[in-house]
Protein backbone atom coordinates (compact mmCIF):
# COMPACT_ATOMS: atom_id res chain seq x y z
CA UNK A 1 206.73 81.50 19.73
CA UNK A 2 206.87 77.80 20.82
CA UNK A 3 210.08 76.01 21.45
CA UNK A 4 210.59 73.12 18.73
CA UNK A 5 213.07 70.33 19.47
CA UNK A 6 213.45 66.62 19.08
CA UNK A 7 213.59 63.76 21.78
CA UNK A 8 217.36 62.57 21.69
CA UNK A 9 216.15 58.99 22.09
CA UNK A 10 213.34 58.49 19.62
CA UNK A 11 213.81 61.60 17.50
CA UNK A 12 210.18 62.61 17.96
CA UNK A 13 209.45 66.28 17.25
CA UNK A 14 208.11 68.10 20.33
CA UNK A 15 206.64 71.67 20.56
CA UNK A 16 206.23 73.48 24.06
CA UNK A 17 205.56 76.80 25.41
CA UNK A 18 208.42 79.23 25.89
CA UNK A 19 208.00 79.33 29.56
CA UNK A 20 208.84 75.57 29.99
CA UNK A 21 212.51 76.02 28.98
CA UNK A 22 214.62 74.27 31.27
CA UNK A 23 211.86 71.98 32.84
CA UNK A 24 212.03 68.26 32.50
CA UNK A 25 209.40 66.38 30.70
CA UNK A 26 208.74 62.84 29.63
CA UNK A 27 208.53 62.31 25.87
CA UNK A 28 205.01 61.16 24.79
CA UNK A 29 206.33 58.66 22.43
CA UNK A 30 209.06 56.81 24.31
CA UNK A 31 208.71 58.15 27.87
CA UNK A 32 212.43 59.13 28.11
CA UNK A 33 212.85 62.24 30.62
CA UNK A 34 214.29 65.00 28.59
CA UNK A 35 215.21 68.73 29.56
CA UNK A 36 213.38 71.42 27.41
CA UNK A 37 215.98 73.68 25.78
CA UNK A 38 215.85 77.34 26.02
CA UNK A 39 214.66 79.22 22.87
CA UNK A 40 218.00 80.23 22.12
CA UNK A 41 219.39 76.56 22.26
CA UNK A 42 216.60 75.10 20.13
CA UNK A 43 216.73 75.46 16.49
CA UNK A 44 213.99 77.52 14.87
CA UNK A 45 212.82 74.26 13.25
CA UNK A 46 214.38 70.93 14.41
CA UNK A 47 216.38 69.20 11.60
CA UNK A 48 214.66 66.28 10.14
CA UNK A 49 217.32 63.34 10.23
CA UNK A 50 216.55 60.08 9.49
CA UNK A 51 214.40 58.33 12.40
CA UNK A 52 215.93 55.80 14.60
CA UNK A 53 214.95 52.25 13.87
CA UNK A 54 212.52 51.98 16.90
CA UNK A 55 210.70 55.08 15.90
CA UNK A 56 209.93 53.72 12.36
CA UNK A 57 208.93 50.51 13.49
CA UNK A 58 206.47 51.60 16.08
CA UNK A 59 204.83 54.05 13.81
CA UNK A 60 204.78 52.22 10.64
CA UNK A 61 207.14 54.77 9.07
CA UNK A 62 204.89 57.79 9.56
CA UNK A 63 206.47 60.43 11.73
CA UNK A 64 204.05 61.98 14.11
CA UNK A 65 204.36 65.51 15.83
CA UNK A 66 203.10 66.04 19.33
CA UNK A 67 202.78 69.23 21.24
CA UNK A 68 203.15 68.88 24.94
CA UNK A 69 201.53 71.76 26.70
CA UNK A 70 202.92 72.73 30.23
CA UNK A 71 200.67 74.67 32.62
CA UNK A 72 200.20 75.29 36.15
CA UNK A 73 196.48 74.89 36.12
CA UNK A 74 194.64 71.58 36.39
CA UNK A 75 194.11 69.94 33.04
CA UNK A 76 190.45 69.73 31.78
CA UNK A 77 189.52 66.22 30.53
CA UNK A 78 188.64 66.41 26.99
CA UNK A 79 187.13 62.86 26.72
CA UNK A 80 184.40 62.29 29.03
CA UNK A 81 183.44 58.64 30.26
CA UNK A 82 180.04 57.64 28.97
CA UNK A 83 177.17 57.27 31.36
CA UNK A 84 176.50 53.75 32.45
CA UNK A 85 173.72 51.96 30.38
CA UNK A 86 170.28 51.72 31.97
CA UNK A 87 170.78 47.96 32.69
CA UNK A 88 173.90 48.61 34.58
CA UNK A 89 172.39 51.39 36.55
CA UNK A 90 169.36 49.29 37.27
CA UNK A 91 171.49 46.32 38.39
CA UNK A 92 173.34 48.64 40.70
CA UNK A 93 170.31 50.00 42.51
CA UNK A 94 167.42 47.22 42.39
CA UNK A 95 167.85 43.61 42.45
CA UNK A 96 166.05 41.87 39.55
CA UNK A 97 163.06 39.75 40.05
CA UNK A 98 163.75 36.03 39.14
CA UNK A 99 161.51 32.87 38.80
CA UNK A 100 162.12 29.30 39.95
CA UNK A 101 159.62 26.60 38.75
CA UNK A 102 159.82 23.21 40.13
CA UNK A 103 157.70 20.67 38.43
CA UNK A 104 156.41 17.50 40.26
CA UNK A 105 157.28 15.30 37.40
CA UNK A 106 160.94 16.31 37.69
CA UNK A 107 160.87 15.29 41.60
CA UNK A 108 159.79 11.79 41.09
CA UNK A 109 162.20 8.61 41.28
CA UNK A 110 161.26 5.05 41.14
CA UNK A 111 159.04 4.66 44.24
CA UNK A 112 160.02 8.01 45.71
CA UNK A 113 158.71 11.56 45.62
CA UNK A 114 161.00 14.34 46.44
CA UNK A 115 158.64 17.32 45.28
CA UNK A 116 158.41 18.63 48.95
CA UNK A 117 162.07 18.31 49.63
CA UNK A 118 162.91 20.13 46.42
CA UNK A 119 160.51 23.02 47.15
CA UNK A 120 162.00 23.24 50.83
CA UNK A 121 165.56 23.28 49.68
CA UNK A 122 164.77 25.97 46.85
CA UNK A 123 163.02 28.21 49.56
CA UNK A 124 165.91 27.74 51.93
CA UNK A 125 168.35 28.67 49.39
CA UNK A 126 166.49 31.87 48.37
CA UNK A 127 165.75 33.08 51.68
CA UNK A 128 162.45 34.13 53.14
CA UNK A 129 163.33 37.88 52.72
CA UNK A 130 163.66 37.63 49.02
CA UNK A 131 160.62 35.72 48.26
CA UNK A 132 157.89 37.71 46.51
CA UNK A 133 155.24 35.08 45.80
CA UNK A 134 154.78 31.48 45.60
CA UNK A 135 152.21 30.18 43.21
CA UNK A 136 150.77 26.72 42.35
CA UNK A 137 150.98 25.54 38.79
CA UNK A 138 148.74 22.79 36.94
CA UNK A 139 150.17 21.60 33.58
CA UNK A 140 149.70 18.81 31.15
CA UNK A 141 152.06 16.96 29.01
CA UNK A 142 152.25 13.77 26.79
CA UNK A 143 154.10 10.93 28.43
CA UNK A 144 156.54 9.63 25.80
CA UNK A 145 156.11 5.87 26.75
CA UNK A 146 152.32 5.56 26.65
CA UNK A 147 151.48 8.67 24.53
CA UNK A 148 148.77 9.63 27.13
CA UNK A 149 148.02 13.02 28.21
CA UNK A 150 149.06 13.49 31.90
CA UNK A 151 148.16 16.39 34.13
CA UNK A 152 150.36 17.23 36.96
CA UNK A 153 151.42 20.06 39.20
CA UNK A 154 154.22 22.12 40.26
CA UNK A 155 155.11 25.60 41.91
CA UNK A 156 156.41 28.93 40.47
CA UNK A 157 158.45 30.91 43.04
CA UNK A 158 159.23 34.60 42.28
CA UNK A 159 162.00 36.08 44.15
CA UNK A 160 164.43 38.89 44.22
CA UNK A 161 167.96 38.09 43.46
């Protein structure tokens, strides 16, 4: 028959195997180190005094009973960690493909064309070993000021990163 006793600090009722008599354990509620009484010292059922103020405040007035098993064998985990999601697993093993698009119209300022410099800077930042492909683009848009259809060009860089 198990030994049933109360923590002297928080009054939590505990239940342990008879073989644990005399051993010191930490109370699962408050963490106080207590010595497990022998079966003769422990009452058959621990008396039910009014709980200490800290016990009722932390548990919302509901008394909870915990059994603290003591064994010499390693404890088996009852709750297993979930497997990582497919996205997380893919992120760890393979770097994703990314796309960088540079439009010629975004690289022009009054009297200056910085398209070549922008493409060169992007390629240097990405690194030659990460580049999968570089694709020319041709696109059209309506210029806001003149309401004319303008055809322009750009480049799309596909890379690992």
